[in-house]
Amino acid sequence: MTGCTTLTGDYYDGRRRVRYLALQTMCASASATVFFVLGGPVGAAGWRAPFWIYAVSLLLAPVTAAMLPRAGMT
């Protein structure tokens, strides 16, 4: 989340930056609600099960890095 906020601040300015930061805040709040609801059933599968969800970020990281605009090209 810190990385997303930093990149948003670097890549955008003005109204567009405000819009993306508001969108990030909204998505973080909505996902927190969803994760609280899903946390119980996933945790019931075993105490290690919720931590496997973090593995999704390993799959998304290369895709995200490939889609980011290069510095100086925005």
PDB file of N, CA and C in Angstrom:
ATOM      1  N   MET A   1       0.818  -1.183   0.000  1.00  0.00           N
ATOM      2  CA  MET A   1       0.000   0.000   0.000  1.00  0.00           C
ATOM      3  C   MET A   1       0.869   1.257   0.000  1.00  0.00           C
ATOM      4  N   THR A   2       1.977   1.203   0.720  1.00  0.00           N
ATOM      5  CA  THR A   2       2.888   2.336   0.722  1.00  0.00           C
ATOM      6  C   THR A   2       3.468   2.558  -0.671  1.00  0.00           C
ATOM      7  N   GLY A   3       3.811   1.472  -1.331  1.00  0.00           N
ATOM      8  CA  GLY A   3       4.335   1.582  -2.694  1.00  0.00           C
ATOM      9  C   GLY A   3       3.318   2.179  -3.650  1.00  0.00           C
ATOM     10  N   CYS A   4       2.066   1.763  -3.523  1.00  0.00           N
ATOM     11  CA  CYS A   4       1.011   2.315  -4.386  1.00  0.00           C
ATOM     12  C   CYS A   4       0.837   3.803  -4.160  1.00  0.00           C
ATOM     13  N   THR A   5       0.847   4.225  -2.911  1.00  0.00           N
ATOM     14  CA  THR A   5       0.695   5.645  -2.602  1.00  0.00           C
ATOM     15  C   THR A   5       1.874   6.442  -3.151  1.00  0.00           C
ATOM     16  N   THR A   6       3.076   5.908  -3.007  1.00  0.00           N
ATOM     17  CA  THR A   6       4.264   6.585  -3.516  1.00  0.00           C
ATOM     18  C   THR A   6       4.228   6.716  -5.035  1.00  0.00           C
ATOM     19  N   LEU A   7       3.880   5.628  -5.714  1.00  0.00           N
ATOM     20  CA  LEU A   7       3.810   5.664  -7.180  1.00  0.00           C
ATOM     21  C   LEU A   7       2.715   6.609  -7.661  1.00  0.00           C
ATOM     22  N   THR A   8       1.597   6.634  -6.978  1.00  0.00           N
ATOM     23  CA  THR A   8       0.526   7.559  -7.349  1.00  0.00           C
ATOM     24  C   THR A   8       0.999   8.997  -7.202  1.00  0.00           C
ATOM     25  N   GLY A   9       1.713   9.286  -6.127  1.00  0.00           N
ATOM     26  CA  GLY A   9       2.251  10.628  -5.931  1.00  0.00           C
ATOM     27  C   GLY A   9       3.295  10.993  -6.972  1.00  0.00           C
ATOM     28  N   ASP A  10       4.072  10.010  -7.420  1.00  0.00           N
ATOM     29  CA  ASP A  10       5.111  10.276  -8.421  1.00  0.00           C
ATOM     30  C   ASP A  10       4.560  10.422  -9.833  1.00  0.00           C
ATOM     31  N   TYR A  11       3.596   9.600 -10.183  1.00  0.00           N
ATOM     32  CA  TYR A  11       3.106   9.566 -11.565  1.00  0.00           C
ATOM     33  C   TYR A  11       2.028  10.589 -11.880  1.00  0.00           C
ATOM     34  N   TYR A  12       1.262  11.004 -10.879  1.00  0.00           N
ATOM     35  CA  TYR A  12       0.123  11.875 -11.150  1.00  0.00           C
ATOM     36  C   TYR A  12       0.201  13.145 -10.320  1.00  0.00           C
ATOM     37  N   ASP A  13      -0.521  14.165 -10.774  1.00  0.00           N
ATOM     38  CA  ASP A  13      -0.620  15.388  -9.998  1.00  0.00           C
ATOM     39  C   ASP A  13      -2.019  15.980 -10.153  1.00  0.00           C
ATOM     40  N   GLY A  14      -2.320  16.952  -9.310  1.00  0.00           N
ATOM     41  CA  GLY A  14      -3.596  17.642  -9.392  1.00  0.00           C
ATOM     42  C   GLY A  14      -4.792  16.753  -9.108  1.00  0.00           C
ATOM     43  N   ARG A  15      -5.849  16.983  -9.886  1.00  0.00           N
ATOM     44  CA  ARG A  15      -7.114  16.280  -9.684  1.00  0.00           C
ATOM     45  C   ARG A  15      -6.982  14.773  -9.919  1.00  0.00           C
ATOM     46  N   ARG A  16      -6.143  14.409 -10.856  1.00  0.00           N
ATOM     47  CA  ARG A  16      -5.970  12.979 -11.153  1.00  0.00           C
ATOM     48  C   ARG A  16      -5.348  12.251  -9.957  1.00  0.00           C
ATOM     49  N   ARG A  17      -4.376  12.874  -9.305  1.00  0.00           N
ATOM     50  CA  ARG A  17      -3.755  12.275  -8.122  1.00  0.00           C
ATOM     51  C   ARG A  17      -4.791  12.129  -7.012  1.00  0.00           C
ATOM     52  N   VAL A  18      -5.568  13.172  -6.787  1.00  0.00           N
ATOM     53  CA  VAL A  18      -6.593  13.124  -5.738  1.00  0.00           C
ATOM     54  C   VAL A  18      -7.599  12.012  -6.030  1.00  0.00           C
ATOM     55  N   ARG A  19      -7.989  11.879  -7.290  1.00  0.00           N
ATOM     56  CA  ARG A  19      -8.950  10.846  -7.669  1.00  0.00           C
ATOM     57  C   ARG A  19      -8.390   9.448  -7.400  1.00  0.00           C
ATOM     58  N   TYR A  20      -7.132   9.208  -7.783  1.00  0.00           N
ATOM     59  CA  TYR A  20      -6.547   7.886  -7.566  1.00  0.00           C
ATOM     60  C   TYR A  20      -6.300   7.595  -6.084  1.00  0.00           C
ATOM     61  N   LEU A  21      -5.922   8.595  -5.313  1.00  0.00           N
ATOM     62  CA  LEU A  21      -5.736   8.377  -3.883  1.00  0.00           C
ATOM     63  C   LEU A  21      -7.074   8.085  -3.200  1.00  0.00           C
ATOM     64  N   ALA A  22      -8.138   8.756  -3.637  1.00  0.00           N
ATOM     65  CA  ALA A  22      -9.467   8.471  -3.096  1.00  0.00           C
ATOM     66  C   ALA A  22      -9.900   7.063  -3.478  1.00  0.00           C
ATOM     67  N   LEU A  23      -9.617   6.655  -4.708  1.00  0.00           N
ATOM     68  CA  LEU A  23      -9.948   5.303  -5.151  1.00  0.00           C
ATOM     69  C   LEU A  23      -9.183   4.264  -4.340  1.00  0.00           C
ATOM     70  N   GLN A  24      -7.919   4.539  -4.056  1.00  0.00           N
ATOM     71  CA  GLN A  24      -7.116   3.621  -3.248  1.00  0.00           C
ATOM     72  C   GLN A  24      -7.699   3.486  -1.845  1.00  0.00           C
ATOM     73  N   THR A  25      -8.108   4.599  -1.251  1.00  0.00           N
ATOM     74  CA  THR A  25      -8.689   4.570   0.087  1.00  0.00           C
ATOM     75  C   THR A  25      -9.989   3.774   0.095  1.00  0.00           C
ATOM     76  N   MET A  26     -10.815   3.984  -0.923  1.00  0.00           N
ATOM     77  CA  MET A  26     -12.076   3.262  -1.019  1.00  0.00           C
ATOM     78  C   MET A  26     -11.843   1.759  -1.192  1.00  0.00           C
ATOM     79  N   CYS A  27     -10.918   1.398  -2.051  1.00  0.00           N
ATOM     80  CA  CYS A  27     -10.628  -0.029  -2.279  1.00  0.00           C
ATOM     81  C   CYS A  27     -10.037  -0.679  -1.035  1.00  0.00           C
ATOM     82  N   ALA A  28      -9.185   0.041  -0.309  1.00  0.00           N
ATOM     83  CA  ALA A  28      -8.603  -0.511   0.909  1.00  0.00           C
ATOM     84  C   ALA A  28      -9.672  -0.750   1.964  1.00  0.00           C
ATOM     85  N   SER A  29     -10.612   0.171   2.100  1.00  0.00           N
ATOM     86  CA  SER A  29     -11.693   0.003   3.073  1.00  0.00           C
ATOM     87  C   SER A  29     -12.610  -1.150   2.690  1.00  0.00           C
ATOM     88  N   ALA A  30     -12.973  -1.230   1.421  1.00  0.00           N
ATOM     89  CA  ALA A  30     -13.855  -2.309   0.967  1.00  0.00           C
ATOM     90  C   ALA A  30     -13.168  -3.666   1.096  1.00  0.00           C
ATOM     91  N   SER A  31     -11.899  -3.747   0.721  1.00  0.00           N
ATOM     92  CA  SER A  31     -11.206  -5.031   0.808  1.00  0.00           C
ATOM     93  C   SER A  31     -10.995  -5.448   2.264  1.00  0.00           C
ATOM     94  N   ALA A  32     -10.786  -4.492   3.167  1.00  0.00           N
ATOM     95  CA  ALA A  32     -10.650  -4.844   4.585  1.00  0.00           C
ATOM     96  C   ALA A  32     -11.923  -5.504   5.093  1.00  0.00           C
ATOM     97  N   THR A  33     -13.059  -4.988   4.670  1.00  0.00           N
ATOM     98  CA  THR A  33     -14.339  -5.580   5.075  1.00  0.00           C
ATOM     99  C   THR A  33     -14.467  -6.999   4.531  1.00  0.00           C
ATOM    100  N   VAL A  34     -14.133  -7.177   3.274  1.00  0.00           N
ATOM    101  CA  VAL A  34     -14.223  -8.506   2.658  1.00  0.00           C
ATOM    102  C   VAL A  34     -13.255  -9.475   3.334  1.00  0.00           C
ATOM    103  N   PHE A  35     -12.048  -9.018   3.630  1.00  0.00           N
ATOM    104  CA  PHE A  35     -11.063  -9.906   4.248  1.00  0.00           C
ATOM    105  C   PHE A  35     -11.450 -10.300   5.666  1.00  0.00           C
ATOM    106  N   PHE A  36     -12.113  -9.403   6.392  1.00  0.00           N
ATOM    107  CA  PHE A  36     -12.588  -9.776   7.728  1.00  0.00           C
ATOM    108  C   PHE A  36     -13.640 -10.878   7.636  1.00  0.00           C
ATOM    109  N   VAL A  37     -14.523 -10.774   6.657  1.00  0.00           N
ATOM    110  CA  VAL A  37     -15.567 -11.778   6.483  1.00  0.00           C
ATOM    111  C   VAL A  37     -14.968 -13.119   6.051  1.00  0.00           C
ATOM    112  N   LEU A  38     -13.997 -13.088   5.143  1.00  0.00           N
ATOM    113  CA  LEU A  38     -13.393 -14.323   4.643  1.00  0.00           C
ATOM    114  C   LEU A  38     -12.352 -14.909   5.595  1.00  0.00           C
ATOM    115  N   GLY A  39     -11.837 -14.092   6.501  1.00  0.00           N
ATOM    116  CA  GLY A  39     -10.779 -14.546   7.400  1.00  0.00           C
ATOM    117  C   GLY A  39     -11.187 -15.710   8.282  1.00  0.00           C
ATOM    118  N   GLY A  40     -12.420 -15.697   8.756  1.00  0.00           N
ATOM    119  CA  GLY A  40     -12.898 -16.775   9.622  1.00  0.00           C
ATOM    120  C   GLY A  40     -12.931 -18.111   8.924  1.00  0.00           C
ATOM    121  N   PRO A  41     -13.636 -18.208   7.783  1.00  0.00           N
ATOM    122  CA  PRO A  41     -13.664 -19.492   7.087  1.00  0.00           C
ATOM    123  C   PRO A  41     -12.282 -19.973   6.624  1.00  0.00           C
ATOM    124  N   VAL A  42     -11.457 -19.064   6.175  1.00  0.00           N
ATOM    125  CA  VAL A  42     -10.119 -19.469   5.731  1.00  0.00           C
ATOM    126  C   VAL A  42      -9.299 -19.928   6.936  1.00  0.00           C
ATOM    127  N   GLY A  43      -9.421 -19.213   8.046  1.00  0.00           N
ATOM    128  CA  GLY A  43      -8.707 -19.596   9.266  1.00  0.00           C
ATOM    129  C   GLY A  43      -9.184 -20.926   9.822  1.00  0.00           C
ATOM    130  N   ALA A  44     -10.454 -21.263   9.576  1.00  0.00           N
ATOM    131  CA  ALA A  44     -10.979 -22.546  10.046  1.00  0.00           C
ATOM    132  C   ALA A  44     -10.321 -23.718   9.320  1.00  0.00           C
ATOM    133  N   ALA A  45      -9.772 -23.452   8.139  1.00  0.00           N
ATOM    134  CA  ALA A  45      -9.076 -24.494   7.387  1.00  0.00           C
ATOM    135  C   ALA A  45      -7.704 -24.798   7.987  1.00  0.00           C
ATOM    136  N   GLY A  46      -7.248 -23.971   8.872  1.00  0.00           N
ATOM    137  CA  GLY A  46      -5.937 -24.154   9.511  1.00  0.00           C
ATOM    138  C   GLY A  46      -5.301 -22.798   9.752  1.00  0.00           C
ATOM    139  N   TRP A  47      -4.461 -22.708  10.752  1.00  0.00           N
ATOM    140  CA  TRP A  47      -3.916 -21.401  11.093  1.00  0.00           C
ATOM    141  C   TRP A  47      -2.951 -20.877  10.040  1.00  0.00           C
ATOM    142  N   ARG A  48      -2.402 -21.752   9.215  1.00  0.00           N
ATOM    143  CA  ARG A  48      -1.477 -21.310   8.171  1.00  0.00           C
ATOM    144  C   ARG A  48      -2.195 -20.869   6.893  1.00  0.00           C
ATOM    145  N   ALA A  49      -3.412 -21.302   6.706  1.00  0.00           N
ATOM    146  CA  ALA A  49      -4.149 -21.054   5.462  1.00  0.00           C
ATOM    147  C   ALA A  49      -4.254 -19.566   5.096  1.00  0.00           C
ATOM    148  N   PRO A  50      -4.581 -18.666   6.023  1.00  0.00           N
ATOM    149  CA  PRO A  50      -4.678 -17.251   5.626  1.00  0.00           C
ATOM    150  C   PRO A  50      -3.371 -16.672   5.079  1.00  0.00           C
ATOM    151  N   PHE A  51      -2.250 -17.200   5.521  1.00  0.00           N
ATOM    152  CA  PHE A  51      -0.970 -16.677   5.061  1.00  0.00           C
ATOM    153  C   PHE A  51      -0.669 -17.055   3.617  1.00  0.00           C
ATOM    154  N   TRP A  52      -1.297 -18.113   3.117  1.00  0.00           N
ATOM    155  CA  TRP A  52      -1.107 -18.492   1.720  1.00  0.00           C
ATOM    156  C   TRP A  52      -1.695 -17.452   0.773  1.00  0.00           C
ATOM    157  N   ILE A  53      -2.623 -16.657   1.276  1.00  0.00           N
ATOM    158  CA  ILE A  53      -3.202 -15.597   0.449  1.00  0.00           C
ATOM    159  C   ILE A  53      -2.106 -14.611   0.011  1.00  0.00           C
ATOM    160  N   TYR A  54      -1.102 -14.424   0.841  1.00  0.00           N
ATOM    161  CA  TYR A  54       0.002 -13.526   0.476  1.00  0.00           C
ATOM    162  C   TYR A  54       0.749 -14.008  -0.760  1.00  0.00           C
ATOM    163  N   ALA A  55       0.667 -15.279  -1.073  1.00  0.00           N
ATOM    164  CA  ALA A  55       1.336 -15.816  -2.259  1.00  0.00           C
ATOM    165  C   ALA A  55       0.783 -15.201  -3.542  1.00  0.00           C
ATOM    166  N   VAL A  56      -0.435 -14.719  -3.496  1.00  0.00           N
ATOM    167  CA  VAL A  56      -1.031 -14.062  -4.665  1.00  0.00           C
ATOM    168  C   VAL A  56      -0.193 -12.853  -5.074  1.00  0.00           C
ATOM    169  N   SER A  57       0.353 -12.147  -4.095  1.00  0.00           N
ATOM    170  CA  SER A  57       1.168 -10.971  -4.417  1.00  0.00           C
ATOM    171  C   SER A  57       2.424 -11.357  -5.197  1.00  0.00           C
ATOM    172  N   LEU A  58       2.942 -12.550  -4.978  1.00  0.00           N
ATOM    173  CA  LEU A  58       4.113 -12.998  -5.735  1.00  0.00           C
ATOM    174  C   LEU A  58       3.781 -13.178  -7.213  1.00  0.00           C
ATOM    175  N   LEU A  59       2.534 -13.551  -7.491  1.00  0.00           N
ATOM    176  CA  LEU A  59       2.097 -13.697  -8.879  1.00  0.00           C
ATOM    177  C   LEU A  59       1.798 -12.350  -9.527  1.00  0.00           C
ATOM    178  N   LEU A  60       1.287 -11.425  -8.734  1.00  0.00           N
ATOM    179  CA  LEU A  60       0.908 -10.114  -9.264  1.00  0.00           C
ATOM    180  C   LEU A  60       2.095  -9.155  -9.424  1.00  0.00           C
ATOM    181  N   ALA A  61       3.147  -9.333  -8.661  1.00  0.00           N
ATOM    182  CA  ALA A  61       4.274  -8.400  -8.696  1.00  0.00           C
ATOM    183  C   ALA A  61       4.917  -8.275 -10.081  1.00  0.00           C
ATOM    184  N   PRO A  62       5.248  -9.366 -10.782  1.00  0.00           N
ATOM    185  CA  PRO A  62       5.868  -9.205 -12.107  1.00  0.00           C
ATOM    186  C   PRO A  62       4.916  -8.564 -13.124  1.00  0.00           C
ATOM    187  N   VAL A  63       3.635  -8.893 -13.030  1.00  0.00           N
ATOM    188  CA  VAL A  63       2.658  -8.306 -13.949  1.00  0.00           C
ATOM    189  C   VAL A  63       2.552  -6.805 -13.709  1.00  0.00           C
ATOM    190  N   THR A  64       2.486  -6.429 -12.443  1.00  0.00           N
ATOM    191  CA  THR A  64       2.402  -5.008 -12.093  1.00  0.00           C
ATOM    192  C   THR A  64       3.648  -4.257 -12.547  1.00  0.00           C
ATOM    193  N   ALA A  65       4.816  -4.828 -12.300  1.00  0.00           N
ATOM    194  CA  ALA A  65       6.062  -4.172 -12.707  1.00  0.00           C
ATOM    195  C   ALA A  65       6.132  -3.993 -14.215  1.00  0.00           C
ATOM    196  N   ALA A  66       5.637  -4.951 -14.959  1.00  0.00           N
ATOM    197  CA  ALA A  66       5.658  -4.867 -16.422  1.00  0.00           C
ATOM    198  C   ALA A  66       4.696  -3.803 -16.947  1.00  0.00           C
ATOM    199  N   MET A  67       3.623  -3.544 -16.202  1.00  0.00           N
ATOM    200  CA  MET A  67       2.612  -2.600 -16.670  1.00  0.00           C
ATOM    201  C   MET A  67       2.874  -1.154 -16.220  1.00  0.00           C
ATOM    202  N   LEU A  68       3.797  -0.953 -15.291  1.00  0.00           N
ATOM    203  CA  LEU A  68       4.096   0.404 -14.828  1.00  0.00           C
ATOM    204  C   LEU A  68       4.799   1.192 -15.926  1.00  0.00           C
ATOM    205  N   PRO A  69       4.425   2.455 -16.099  1.00  0.00           N
ATOM    206  CA  PRO A  69       5.148   3.283 -17.070  1.00  0.00           C
ATOM    207  C   PRO A  69       6.586   3.486 -16.598  1.00  0.00           C
ATOM    208  N   ARG A  70       7.488   3.568 -17.519  1.00  0.00           N
ATOM    209  CA  ARG A  70       8.898   3.780 -17.177  1.00  0.00           C
ATOM    210  C   ARG A  70       9.118   5.236 -16.775  1.00  0.00           C
ATOM    211  N   ALA A  71      10.082   5.457 -15.900  1.00  0.00           N
ATOM    212  CA  ALA A  71      10.398   6.812 -15.428  1.00  0.00           C
ATOM    213  C   ALA A  71      10.783   7.693 -16.611  1.00  0.00           C
ATOM    214  N   GLY A  72      10.255   8.892 -16.623  1.00  0.00           N
ATOM    215  CA  GLY A  72      10.579   9.833 -17.677  1.00  0.00           C
ATOM    216  C   GLY A  72       9.735   9.677 -18.929  1.00  0.00           C
ATOM    217  N   MET A  73       8.888   8.643 -18.962  1.00  0.00           N
ATOM    218  CA  MET A  73       8.073   8.403 -20.154  1.00  0.00           C
ATOM    219  C   MET A  73       6.615   8.753 -19.936  1.00  0.00           C
ATOM    220  N   THR A  74       6.274   9.315 -18.758  1.00  0.00           N
ATOM    221  CA  THR A  74       4.868   9.634 -18.481  1.00  0.00           C
ATOM    222  C   THR A  74       4.496  10.981 -19.020  1.00  0.00           C
TER     223      THR A  74
END
